[in-house]
Amino acid sequence: MQLYPLFADLADRPVLVVGGGDVAARKAAMLLRAGAKVTVGAPVLAPELRELLQQSRINYRAGSYQSDWQDGMWLVVAATRSRPLNRRIATEGHARQRLVNVVDDPALSSFQVPAVIDRSPLLVAISSSGVAPVLARRLRERIESLLDPALGSLLQLAQRYRTRIRQRHADLAARRRFYDWLHDGPVNALLRAAQPLQAERQLVEVLSRREVPAQQGSVVLVGAGPGDPGLLTLRALRALHEADVILHDELVNPQILDLARRDAVQIAVGKRGGGKHTPQSSIHALLREHAQAGRRVVRLKGGDPFVFGRGGEELVFLREHGIACEIVPGITAALACAAYSGVPLTHRDHAQSVRLVTAHCQQSLDTLDWAELARDRQTLAIYMGVATLDQLTRQLLAHGRDAETPFALIENGSLPSQRTLTGPLRDLPALAIRHAVRAPALLILGEVAGLAAASHWHGELLGGDAGRLADAA
């Protein structure tokens, strides 16, 4: 072991930072977060450091470095641009038995600043002994994604009640069961939902009992996004890591399912049009069955649960049956497909509003207000409309939409197989047939779709010229 890992208590202890630039500002800010009394020495200060000085949060030694700046300091950070000066600061610090860090120079340093994940009071520090700082940063990012931001609040709450917990559960095995309940049960869920008072009440109520409550099941309605695993949110990833059971839509990318806990039970509840179809009542029954058996269930939906995903129906069902539920939003197809095809959904010159529309069957088409949809200066984002493109086009033209209105039809949005078909509205059905566009695909209709010809950047670009706005882009 090349380095001895430790966590230093610097609260109210004097620390010296030599240097007045951006790097020194970052080091000073981190030391202030740890409660240190920071002195910065430099001829001039960067704006961030000047602001800290104006707020009386740091002390300032103006001018060139002097040896006596180190008097009384617990540790020293050398963050100047001069290696000879940094070497002098380090040499004098070591002679005075100070801990010295020279930024980006492990050979001169007696301590190094690790990559840190902060869930105070939990801290996770990663060091590569200065050999591979980029790897340390990447590991920090990976671990960061696994640790819920609410974990710090949970630990602070447990710390406040530690004595009462030990008194109530003197037996070590019972205490462990209690802490498992605390981490996996309703207290943590309430903290994640930004309800700290309710979380504390729940903890106090359970501490009044003698027995540790049985673990209750729960459901998380998770949006898997449009397909690209890189667009999955951190909260969604954590839910997949915690799940005992995953009920997933057919369109969820298998690469996203591969990110789940290895021993989680995965159940496909597909609803692809014209193919396998799981009734919503069956999905409700599965959610209730597994949650009431004490399991942590993830209902994994493509896009966002509350945008044409029946998440609202499932939430109502779970509430009616007293099952704890959280919602993790996902990037809905309209946002992702627009971004990946280079189409802004709004534009101050061309579209002041966006309408999200579903058009997967004749029944849904019959409920639409076509006169409103045919108005100009708005963008239509039409979900599940591949099978009804002919009717969509006829209705929009019949209600006054300009036949030259540009469209962008995005198939497999955000995936490597994405194709973006462009052209004028009058040619939409014929072009879709010519290029054999298949679901899943999202239709964007409006003047902004004309920007796809110039701004498209992902996947294949097909079709006619919808680029009336391209020259202006």
Protein backbone atom coordinates (compact mmCIF):
# COMPACT_ATOMS: atom_id res chain seq x y z
CA MET A 1 0.00 0.00 0.00
CA GLN A 2 1.72 3.14 -1.24
CA LEU A 3 -0.51 5.60 0.63
CA TYR A 4 -2.08 5.46 4.06
CA PRO A 5 -5.78 6.39 3.70
CA LEU A 6 -7.25 8.68 6.33
CA PHE A 7 -10.00 11.28 6.76
CA ALA A 8 -8.78 14.48 8.39
CA ASP A 9 -10.91 16.58 10.74
CA LEU A 10 -10.04 20.14 9.69
CA ALA A 11 -12.90 21.92 11.43
CA ASP A 12 -11.62 25.29 12.75
CA ARG A 13 -8.03 24.29 11.92
CA PRO A 14 -5.80 26.65 9.91
CA VAL A 15 -4.88 25.58 6.39
CA LEU A 16 -2.75 27.44 3.82
CA VAL A 17 -3.42 27.56 0.07
CA VAL A 18 -0.65 29.21 -1.95
CA GLY A 19 -1.86 30.48 -5.31
CA GLY A 20 -4.60 32.78 -6.46
CA GLY A 21 -5.93 31.15 -9.62
CA ASP A 22 -8.86 28.90 -10.52
CA VAL A 23 -7.19 25.76 -9.14
CA ALA A 24 -6.50 27.45 -5.81
CA ALA A 25 -10.13 28.60 -5.73
CA ARG A 26 -11.37 25.01 -6.15
CA LYS A 27 -9.06 23.75 -3.41
CA ALA A 28 -10.10 26.55 -1.06
CA ALA A 29 -13.79 25.86 -1.66
CA MET A 30 -13.37 22.17 -0.82
CA LEU A 31 -11.43 22.98 2.35
CA LEU A 32 -14.11 25.44 3.42
CA ARG A 33 -16.73 22.72 3.01
CA ALA A 34 -14.72 20.68 5.52
CA GLY A 35 -14.85 23.58 7.98
CA ALA A 36 -11.18 24.60 7.74
CA LYS A 37 -9.91 28.11 8.46
CA VAL A 38 -8.42 28.85 5.05
CA THR A 39 -5.67 31.37 4.36
CA VAL A 40 -4.88 32.09 0.71
CA GLY A 41 -1.56 33.63 -0.22
CA ALA A 42 -0.93 35.12 -3.67
CA PRO A 43 -0.09 38.41 -5.41
CA VAL A 44 -3.59 38.57 -6.94
CA LEU A 45 -6.80 36.61 -6.48
CA ALA A 46 -9.17 35.09 -9.01
CA PRO A 47 -12.76 36.44 -8.91
CA GLU A 48 -14.01 33.41 -6.94
CA LEU A 49 -11.39 33.99 -4.25
CA ARG A 50 -12.06 37.73 -4.15
CA GLU A 51 -15.71 36.95 -3.52
CA LEU A 52 -14.80 34.58 -0.67
CA LEU A 53 -12.58 37.31 0.80
CA GLN A 54 -15.38 39.90 0.57
CA GLN A 55 -17.62 37.43 2.42
CA SER A 56 -14.92 37.09 5.13
CA ARG A 57 -14.74 33.34 4.49
CA ILE A 58 -10.97 33.30 3.89
CA ASN A 59 -7.93 35.15 5.15
CA TYR A 60 -5.59 36.73 2.60
CA ARG A 61 -1.79 37.04 2.50
CA ALA A 62 -1.03 39.46 -0.33
CA GLY A 63 2.22 39.27 -2.26
CA SER A 64 4.83 36.65 -3.02
CA TYR A 65 5.14 33.51 -0.91
CA GLN A 66 7.00 33.85 2.40
CA SER A 67 8.21 30.94 4.53
CA ASP A 68 6.46 32.22 7.66
CA TRP A 69 3.07 31.79 5.93
CA GLN A 70 3.30 28.16 7.02
CA ASP A 71 3.58 29.01 10.71
CA GLY A 72 0.73 27.41 12.67
CA MET A 73 -0.75 25.62 9.65
CA TRP A 74 -1.99 22.02 9.83
CA LEU A 75 -1.57 21.41 6.15
CA VAL A 76 -0.50 23.29 3.04
CA VAL A 77 -1.70 23.22 -0.58
CA ALA A 78 0.66 24.54 -3.26
CA ALA A 79 -1.39 25.60 -6.30
CA THR A 80 0.90 28.02 -8.11
CA ARG A 81 1.94 27.80 -11.76
CA SER A 82 5.65 27.71 -10.87
CA ARG A 83 7.13 24.28 -10.20
CA PRO A 84 10.27 25.73 -8.56
CA LEU A 85 8.04 27.70 -6.18
CA ASN A 86 5.87 24.66 -5.53
CA ARG A 87 9.03 22.65 -4.80
CA ARG A 88 10.19 25.29 -2.32
CA ILE A 89 6.79 25.31 -0.56
CA ALA A 90 6.86 21.52 -0.34
CA THR A 91 10.44 21.34 0.90
CA GLU A 92 9.85 23.93 3.61
CA GLY A 93 6.57 22.29 4.58
CA HIS A 94 8.15 18.86 4.94
CA ALA A 95 10.93 20.36 7.07
CA ARG A 96 8.27 21.82 9.35
CA GLN A 97 6.44 18.44 9.44
CA ARG A 98 3.48 19.83 7.59
CA LEU A 99 1.29 17.73 5.32
CA VAL A 100 1.73 19.25 1.86
CA ASN A 101 -0.17 18.73 -1.36
CA VAL A 102 1.29 20.07 -4.59
CA VAL A 103 -1.45 20.11 -7.19
CA ASP A 104 -0.82 17.61 -10.01
CA ASP A 105 2.62 16.71 -8.65
CA PRO A 106 2.51 13.53 -6.51
CA ALA A 107 6.31 13.38 -6.26
CA LEU A 108 6.36 16.62 -4.25
CA SER A 109 3.31 15.82 -2.15
CA SER A 110 3.04 14.16 1.25
CA PHE A 111 -0.71 13.82 0.90
CA GLN A 112 -3.04 13.67 -2.07
CA VAL A 113 -6.62 14.84 -2.48
CA PRO A 114 -8.79 11.92 -3.64
CA ALA A 115 -11.84 11.91 -5.87
CA VAL A 116 -14.73 12.22 -3.40
CA ILE A 117 -18.36 11.13 -3.33
CA ASP A 118 -20.08 13.25 -0.68
CA ARG A 119 -23.17 11.86 1.04
CA SER A 120 -22.28 13.44 4.36
CA PRO A 121 -21.78 12.02 6.87
CA LEU A 122 -20.85 9.27 4.40
CA LEU A 123 -17.74 10.05 2.35
CA VAL A 124 -16.25 7.76 -0.29
CA ALA A 125 -12.73 8.65 -1.41
CA ILE A 126 -10.85 7.17 -4.37
CA SER A 127 -7.13 7.49 -5.02
CA SER A 128 -4.93 6.10 -7.77
CA SER A 129 -1.81 7.23 -5.86
CA GLY A 130 -1.50 10.00 -8.42
CA VAL A 131 -0.84 7.51 -11.21
CA ALA A 132 -4.21 7.67 -13.00
CA PRO A 133 -6.36 10.63 -11.88
CA VAL A 134 -8.68 10.20 -14.88
CA LEU A 135 -9.43 6.62 -13.79
CA ALA A 136 -10.12 7.82 -10.24
CA ARG A 137 -12.54 10.40 -11.62
CA ARG A 138 -14.32 7.79 -13.72
CA LEU A 139 -14.64 5.45 -10.76
CA ARG A 140 -16.05 8.31 -8.73
CA GLU A 141 -18.67 8.93 -11.42
CA ARG A 142 -19.56 5.23 -11.48
CA ILE A 143 -19.94 4.99 -7.70
CA GLU A 144 -21.75 8.34 -7.58
CA SER A 145 -24.48 6.86 -9.77
CA LEU A 146 -25.03 4.01 -7.30
CA LEU A 147 -25.44 6.09 -4.14
CA ASP A 148 -28.79 7.78 -3.66
CA PRO A 149 -28.56 11.48 -2.73
CA ALA A 150 -30.99 10.76 0.13
CA LEU A 151 -28.44 8.47 1.76
CA GLY A 152 -26.82 11.36 3.61
CA SER A 153 -30.16 12.44 5.11
CA LEU A 154 -30.87 8.85 6.14
CA LEU A 155 -27.53 8.54 7.92
CA GLN A 156 -28.02 11.86 9.70
CA LEU A 157 -31.43 10.71 10.90
CA ALA A 158 -30.02 7.38 12.08
CA GLN A 159 -27.22 9.21 13.86
CA ARG A 160 -29.68 11.37 15.81
CA TYR A 161 -31.61 8.28 16.95
CA ARG A 162 -28.66 5.96 17.42
CA THR A 163 -28.93 5.83 21.22
CA ARG A 164 -32.67 5.08 21.11
CA ILE A 165 -32.14 2.42 18.45
CA ARG A 166 -29.52 0.68 20.60
CA GLN A 167 -31.77 0.86 23.66
CA ARG A 168 -34.78 -0.53 21.82
CA HIS A 169 -32.82 -3.28 20.05
CA ALA A 170 -30.06 -4.37 22.42
CA ASP A 171 -29.78 -7.69 20.61
CA LEU A 172 -27.29 -7.33 17.73
CA ALA A 173 -29.28 -9.49 15.30
CA ALA A 174 -32.47 -7.50 15.94
CA ARG A 175 -30.55 -4.26 15.50
CA ARG A 176 -29.24 -5.41 12.15
CA ARG A 177 -32.77 -6.28 11.04
CA PHE A 178 -33.88 -2.82 12.12
CA TYR A 179 -31.15 -1.10 10.10
CA ASP A 180 -32.06 -3.24 7.09
CA TRP A 181 -35.65 -2.03 7.48
CA LEU A 182 -34.44 1.55 7.88
CA HIS A 183 -32.43 1.45 4.66
CA ASP A 184 -34.91 -0.51 2.55
CA GLY A 185 -38.26 0.56 3.93
CA PRO A 186 -40.58 3.55 4.07
CA VAL A 187 -38.24 5.92 5.95
CA ASN A 188 -35.74 6.02 3.11
CA ALA A 189 -38.55 6.23 0.56
CA LEU A 190 -39.99 9.27 2.34
CA LEU A 191 -36.59 10.96 2.40
CA ARG A 192 -36.21 10.36 -1.33
CA ALA A 193 -39.62 11.94 -1.75
CA ALA A 194 -38.40 15.07 0.12
CA GLN A 195 -40.65 14.41 3.15
CA PRO A 196 -38.18 14.45 6.08
CA LEU A 197 -40.77 15.18 8.80
CA GLN A 198 -42.91 12.22 7.75
CA ALA A 199 -39.78 10.04 7.60
CA GLU A 200 -38.83 10.96 11.15
CA ARG A 201 -42.38 10.33 12.38
CA GLN A 202 -42.28 6.89 10.78
CA LEU A 203 -38.99 6.11 12.51
CA VAL A 204 -40.25 7.28 15.90
CA GLU A 205 -43.47 5.28 15.51
CA VAL A 206 -41.56 2.08 14.70
CA LEU A 207 -39.16 2.63 17.61
CA SER A 208 -42.17 2.59 19.95
CA ARG A 209 -42.74 -1.07 19.01
CA ARG A 210 -40.75 -3.98 20.35
CA GLU A 211 -40.55 -5.99 17.14
CA VAL A 212 -38.83 -4.98 13.93
CA PRO A 213 -41.56 -4.59 11.29
CA ALA A 214 -41.65 -7.01 8.41
CA GLN A 215 -40.22 -5.65 5.21
CA GLN A 216 -42.97 -4.13 3.10
CA GLY A 217 -43.08 -4.37 -0.65
CA SER A 218 -43.08 -1.32 -2.88
CA VAL A 219 -43.29 -0.30 -6.51
CA VAL A 220 -41.24 2.21 -8.46
CA LEU A 221 -42.69 3.38 -11.78
CA VAL A 222 -39.54 3.98 -13.82
CA GLY A 223 -39.15 5.67 -17.17
CA ALA A 224 -36.51 3.86 -19.23
CA GLY A 225 -36.18 6.70 -21.71
CA PRO A 226 -36.25 6.34 -25.49
CA GLY A 227 -33.83 3.42 -25.75
CA ASP A 228 -30.26 4.68 -25.45
CA PRO A 229 -28.97 3.33 -22.09
CA GLY A 230 -26.93 6.51 -21.73
CA LEU A 231 -30.16 8.49 -21.33
CA LEU A 232 -31.29 6.48 -18.30
CA THR A 233 -31.41 8.69 -15.20
CA LEU A 234 -29.25 7.95 -12.18
CA ARG A 235 -32.35 7.39 -10.04
CA ALA A 236 -33.67 4.89 -12.59
CA LEU A 237 -30.35 3.05 -12.51
CA ARG A 238 -30.42 2.85 -8.72
CA ALA A 239 -33.98 1.50 -8.83
CA LEU A 240 -32.87 -1.25 -11.24
CA HIS A 241 -30.01 -2.15 -8.89
CA GLU A 242 -32.41 -2.43 -5.94
CA ALA A 243 -35.27 -4.29 -7.64
CA ASP A 244 -36.32 -7.83 -6.77
CA VAL A 245 -38.80 -7.94 -9.66
CA ILE A 246 -38.90 -5.94 -12.91
CA LEU A 247 -42.06 -5.76 -15.03
CA HIS A 248 -40.91 -4.28 -18.32
CA ASP A 249 -42.49 -3.15 -21.57
CA GLU A 250 -41.55 -4.92 -24.78
CA LEU A 251 -39.90 -1.81 -26.23
CA VAL A 252 -37.42 -1.42 -23.35
CA ASN A 253 -33.91 -1.85 -24.75
CA PRO A 254 -32.35 -5.17 -23.60
CA GLN A 255 -29.15 -3.25 -22.85
CA ILE A 256 -31.07 -1.35 -20.17
CA LEU A 257 -32.33 -4.60 -18.66
CA ASP A 258 -28.71 -5.79 -18.57
CA LEU A 259 -28.00 -2.97 -16.09
CA ALA A 260 -30.42 -4.44 -13.55
CA ARG A 261 -29.48 -6.53 -10.54
CA ARG A 262 -28.40 -9.93 -11.82
CA ASP A 263 -30.76 -11.96 -9.61
CA ALA A 264 -33.83 -9.76 -10.23
CA VAL A 265 -36.81 -11.56 -11.78
CA GLN A 266 -37.64 -9.99 -15.15
CA ILE A 267 -41.18 -10.30 -16.48
CA ALA A 268 -42.11 -9.03 -19.94
CA VAL A 269 -45.51 -7.35 -20.06
CA GLY A 270 -45.48 -6.32 -23.70
CA LYS A 271 -48.09 -4.13 -25.37
CA ARG A 272 -46.75 -3.85 -28.90
CA GLY A 273 -49.57 -3.12 -31.32
CA GLY A 274 -50.60 -6.10 -33.45
CA GLY A 275 -48.51 -8.55 -31.40
CA LYS A 276 -48.30 -9.91 -27.88
CA HIS A 277 -50.53 -7.92 -25.57
CA THR A 278 -50.64 -8.08 -21.77
CA PRO A 279 -53.94 -6.64 -20.46
CA GLN A 280 -53.56 -3.76 -18.04
CA SER A 281 -55.57 -5.71 -15.47
CA SER A 282 -52.92 -8.47 -15.57
CA ILE A 283 -50.16 -5.94 -15.02
CA HIS A 284 -52.04 -4.53 -12.04
CA ALA A 285 -52.42 -8.04 -10.61
CA LEU A 286 -48.69 -8.73 -10.96
CA LEU A 287 -47.78 -5.44 -9.30
CA ARG A 288 -50.04 -6.21 -6.35
CA GLU A 289 -48.91 -9.84 -6.07
CA HIS A 290 -45.21 -9.09 -5.86
CA ALA A 291 -45.49 -5.94 -3.73
CA GLN A 292 -47.76 -7.64 -1.19
CA ALA A 293 -45.21 -10.47 -1.00
CA GLY A 294 -42.70 -7.91 0.32
CA ARG A 295 -40.71 -7.50 -2.88
CA ARG A 296 -39.26 -4.32 -4.37
CA VAL A 297 -40.86 -4.02 -7.79
CA VAL A 298 -39.81 -1.85 -10.71
CA ARG A 299 -42.41 -1.18 -13.39
CA LEU A 300 -40.11 -0.27 -16.27
CA LYS A 301 -41.68 1.70 -19.10
CA GLY A 302 -40.27 3.08 -22.31
CA GLY A 303 -39.99 6.87 -22.32
CA ASP A 304 -41.78 8.45 -19.36
CA PRO A 305 -44.38 6.64 -17.22
CA PHE A 306 -46.77 9.60 -17.35
CA VAL A 307 -46.62 10.32 -21.08
CA PHE A 308 -48.86 7.78 -22.85
CA GLY A 309 -47.48 5.12 -20.52
CA ARG A 310 -50.51 4.40 -18.30
CA GLY A 311 -48.42 5.31 -15.29
CA GLY A 312 -51.33 7.34 -13.93
CA GLU A 313 -53.62 4.30 -14.00
CA GLU A 314 -51.05 2.16 -12.23
CA LEU A 315 -50.38 4.81 -9.59
CA VAL A 316 -54.09 5.06 -8.78
CA PHE A 317 -54.34 1.26 -8.54
CA LEU A 318 -51.35 1.04 -6.18
CA ARG A 319 -52.70 3.83 -3.97
CA GLU A 320 -56.08 2.13 -3.76
CA HIS A 321 -54.38 -1.04 -2.50
CA GLY A 322 -52.12 0.73 0.00
CA ILE A 323 -48.89 -0.12 -1.83
CA ALA A 324 -46.00 2.32 -1.46
CA CYS A 325 -45.04 3.80 -4.80
CA GLU A 326 -42.45 6.17 -6.25
CA ILE A 327 -42.21 7.66 -9.73
CA VAL A 328 -38.93 8.08 -11.59
CA PRO A 329 -39.43 10.19 -14.72
CA GLY A 330 -37.79 9.22 -17.99
CA ILE A 331 -36.87 11.16 -21.11
CA THR A 332 -39.99 10.90 -23.24
CA ALA A 333 -39.75 10.05 -26.94
CA ALA A 334 -40.72 13.53 -28.15
CA LEU A 335 -37.76 15.14 -26.38
CA ALA A 336 -35.27 12.44 -27.32
CA CYS A 337 -36.29 12.01 -30.95
CA ALA A 338 -36.33 15.75 -31.51
CA ALA A 339 -32.87 16.16 -29.98
CA TYR A 340 -31.36 13.19 -31.80
CA SER A 341 -32.69 14.41 -35.15
CA GLY A 342 -31.63 18.03 -34.59
CA VAL A 343 -35.19 19.39 -34.41
CA PRO A 344 -36.07 21.98 -31.74
CA LEU A 345 -39.62 21.43 -30.54
CA THR A 346 -40.03 25.16 -30.02
CA HIS A 347 -38.56 28.06 -31.95
CA ARG A 348 -39.27 31.72 -31.32
CA ASP A 349 -39.81 32.36 -35.05
CA HIS A 350 -41.85 29.28 -35.91
CA ALA A 351 -43.41 27.43 -32.96
CA GLN A 352 -44.56 28.85 -29.65
CA SER A 353 -46.18 25.66 -28.38
CA VAL A 354 -45.87 21.86 -28.53
CA ARG A 355 -48.68 19.32 -28.52
CA LEU A 356 -48.07 15.70 -27.53
CA VAL A 357 -50.57 13.49 -29.32
CA THR A 358 -51.19 9.74 -29.46
CA ALA A 359 -52.66 8.28 -32.64
CA HIS A 360 -52.22 4.51 -32.47
CA CYS A 361 -55.75 3.50 -33.47
CA GLN A 362 -59.01 4.77 -34.97
CA GLN A 363 -60.49 5.25 -31.50
CA SER A 364 -57.72 7.64 -30.48
CA LEU A 365 -57.98 9.50 -33.81
CA ASP A 366 -61.70 10.09 -33.29
CA THR A 367 -61.06 11.96 -30.04
CA LEU A 368 -58.64 14.52 -31.50
CA ASP A 369 -59.51 18.16 -32.12
CA TRP A 370 -58.31 18.35 -35.71
CA ALA A 371 -59.07 22.05 -36.16
CA GLU A 372 -56.74 22.87 -33.27
CA LEU A 373 -54.07 20.44 -34.44
CA ALA A 374 -54.10 21.99 -37.94
CA ARG A 375 -53.20 25.46 -36.67
CA ASP A 376 -49.82 26.81 -37.69
CA ARG A 377 -46.98 28.12 -35.45
CA GLN A 378 -47.07 25.02 -33.28
CA THR A 379 -45.26 21.68 -33.24
CA LEU A 380 -47.07 18.36 -33.17
CA ALA A 381 -45.25 15.40 -31.61
CA ILE A 382 -47.35 12.37 -32.53
CA TYR A 383 -46.72 9.09 -30.72
CA MET A 384 -47.60 5.64 -32.08
CA GLY A 385 -48.84 7.01 -35.39
CA VAL A 386 -47.09 4.81 -37.97
CA ALA A 387 -50.18 2.69 -38.63
CA THR A 388 -52.41 5.74 -39.10
CA LEU A 389 -50.23 8.10 -41.18
CA ASP A 390 -52.70 8.14 -44.05
CA GLN A 391 -55.62 9.19 -41.83
CA LEU A 392 -53.47 11.71 -39.98
CA THR A 393 -52.39 13.36 -43.20
CA ARG A 394 -55.93 13.49 -44.66
CA GLN A 395 -57.41 15.00 -41.51
CA LEU A 396 -54.72 17.65 -41.12
CA LEU A 397 -54.95 18.69 -44.77
CA ALA A 398 -58.77 18.71 -44.62
CA HIS A 399 -58.67 21.05 -41.62
CA GLY A 400 -56.35 23.55 -43.25
CA ARG A 401 -52.80 22.50 -42.50
CA ASP A 402 -50.45 23.59 -45.31
CA ALA A 403 -49.52 20.65 -47.54
CA GLU A 404 -45.90 21.90 -47.57
CA THR A 405 -45.58 21.76 -43.77
CA PRO A 406 -42.32 19.90 -43.02
CA PHE A 407 -42.32 16.67 -41.07
CA ALA A 408 -39.63 14.50 -39.45
CA LEU A 409 -40.54 10.86 -38.83
CA ILE A 410 -37.97 9.32 -36.47
CA GLU A 411 -37.73 5.53 -36.29
CA ASN A 412 -35.89 3.88 -33.34
CA GLY A 413 -35.03 7.27 -31.88
CA SER A 414 -31.71 7.51 -30.00
CA LEU A 415 -30.63 3.98 -30.99
CA PRO A 416 -27.83 3.11 -33.44
CA SER A 417 -30.55 2.01 -35.89
CA GLN A 418 -32.26 5.43 -35.85
CA ARG A 419 -33.55 6.69 -39.20
CA THR A 420 -35.01 10.16 -39.73
CA LEU A 421 -37.36 10.58 -42.68
CA THR A 422 -38.13 14.15 -43.79
CA GLY A 423 -40.40 15.71 -46.35
CA PRO A 424 -43.60 17.78 -46.82
CA LEU A 425 -46.85 16.71 -45.17
CA ARG A 426 -48.55 15.88 -48.47
CA ASP A 427 -45.90 13.18 -49.16
CA LEU A 428 -45.80 11.70 -45.63
CA PRO A 429 -47.72 8.42 -46.24
CA ALA A 430 -45.99 7.67 -49.56
CA LEU A 431 -42.49 8.38 -48.21
CA ALA A 432 -43.12 6.25 -45.11
CA ILE A 433 -44.17 3.31 -47.34
CA ARG A 434 -41.24 3.82 -49.72
CA HIS A 435 -38.73 3.70 -46.88
CA ALA A 436 -40.60 0.94 -44.94
CA VAL A 437 -40.76 2.90 -41.69
CA ARG A 438 -41.81 0.66 -38.81
CA ALA A 439 -42.80 1.25 -35.20
CA PRO A 440 -41.53 2.48 -32.86
CA ALA A 441 -41.43 5.84 -34.59
CA LEU A 442 -42.38 9.37 -33.58
CA LEU A 443 -43.73 12.00 -35.97
CA ILE A 444 -42.74 15.64 -35.56
CA LEU A 445 -44.82 17.99 -37.69
CA GLY A 446 -44.35 21.73 -38.03
CA GLU A 447 -42.02 24.35 -39.46
CA VAL A 448 -39.29 23.34 -36.99
CA ALA A 449 -39.04 19.91 -38.64
CA GLY A 450 -37.47 21.64 -41.62
CA LEU A 451 -34.33 22.15 -39.53
CA ALA A 452 -33.58 18.41 -39.59
CA ALA A 453 -31.89 18.64 -42.99
CA ALA A 454 -29.23 21.00 -41.61
CA SER A 455 -29.08 19.94 -37.96
CA HIS A 456 -29.47 16.16 -38.13
CA TRP A 457 -26.54 14.43 -36.40
CA HIS A 458 -27.52 10.89 -35.33
CA GLY A 459 -28.38 7.92 -37.50
CA GLU A 460 -29.46 7.93 -41.13
CA LEU A 461 -31.26 10.85 -42.81
CA LEU A 462 -33.83 9.82 -45.47
CA GLY A 463 -36.48 11.18 -47.72
CA GLY A 464 -37.59 14.33 -49.39
CA ASP A 465 -36.48 17.91 -48.89
CA ALA A 466 -37.99 19.29 -45.72
CA GLY A 467 -35.31 21.91 -45.54
CA ARG A 468 -37.13 25.17 -46.12
CA LEU A 469 -35.68 26.37 -42.85
CA ALA A 470 -32.34 24.69 -43.37
CA ASP A 471 -30.78 27.68 -45.10
CA ALA A 472 -31.71 29.87 -42.15
CA ALA A 473 -30.39 27.42 -39.55
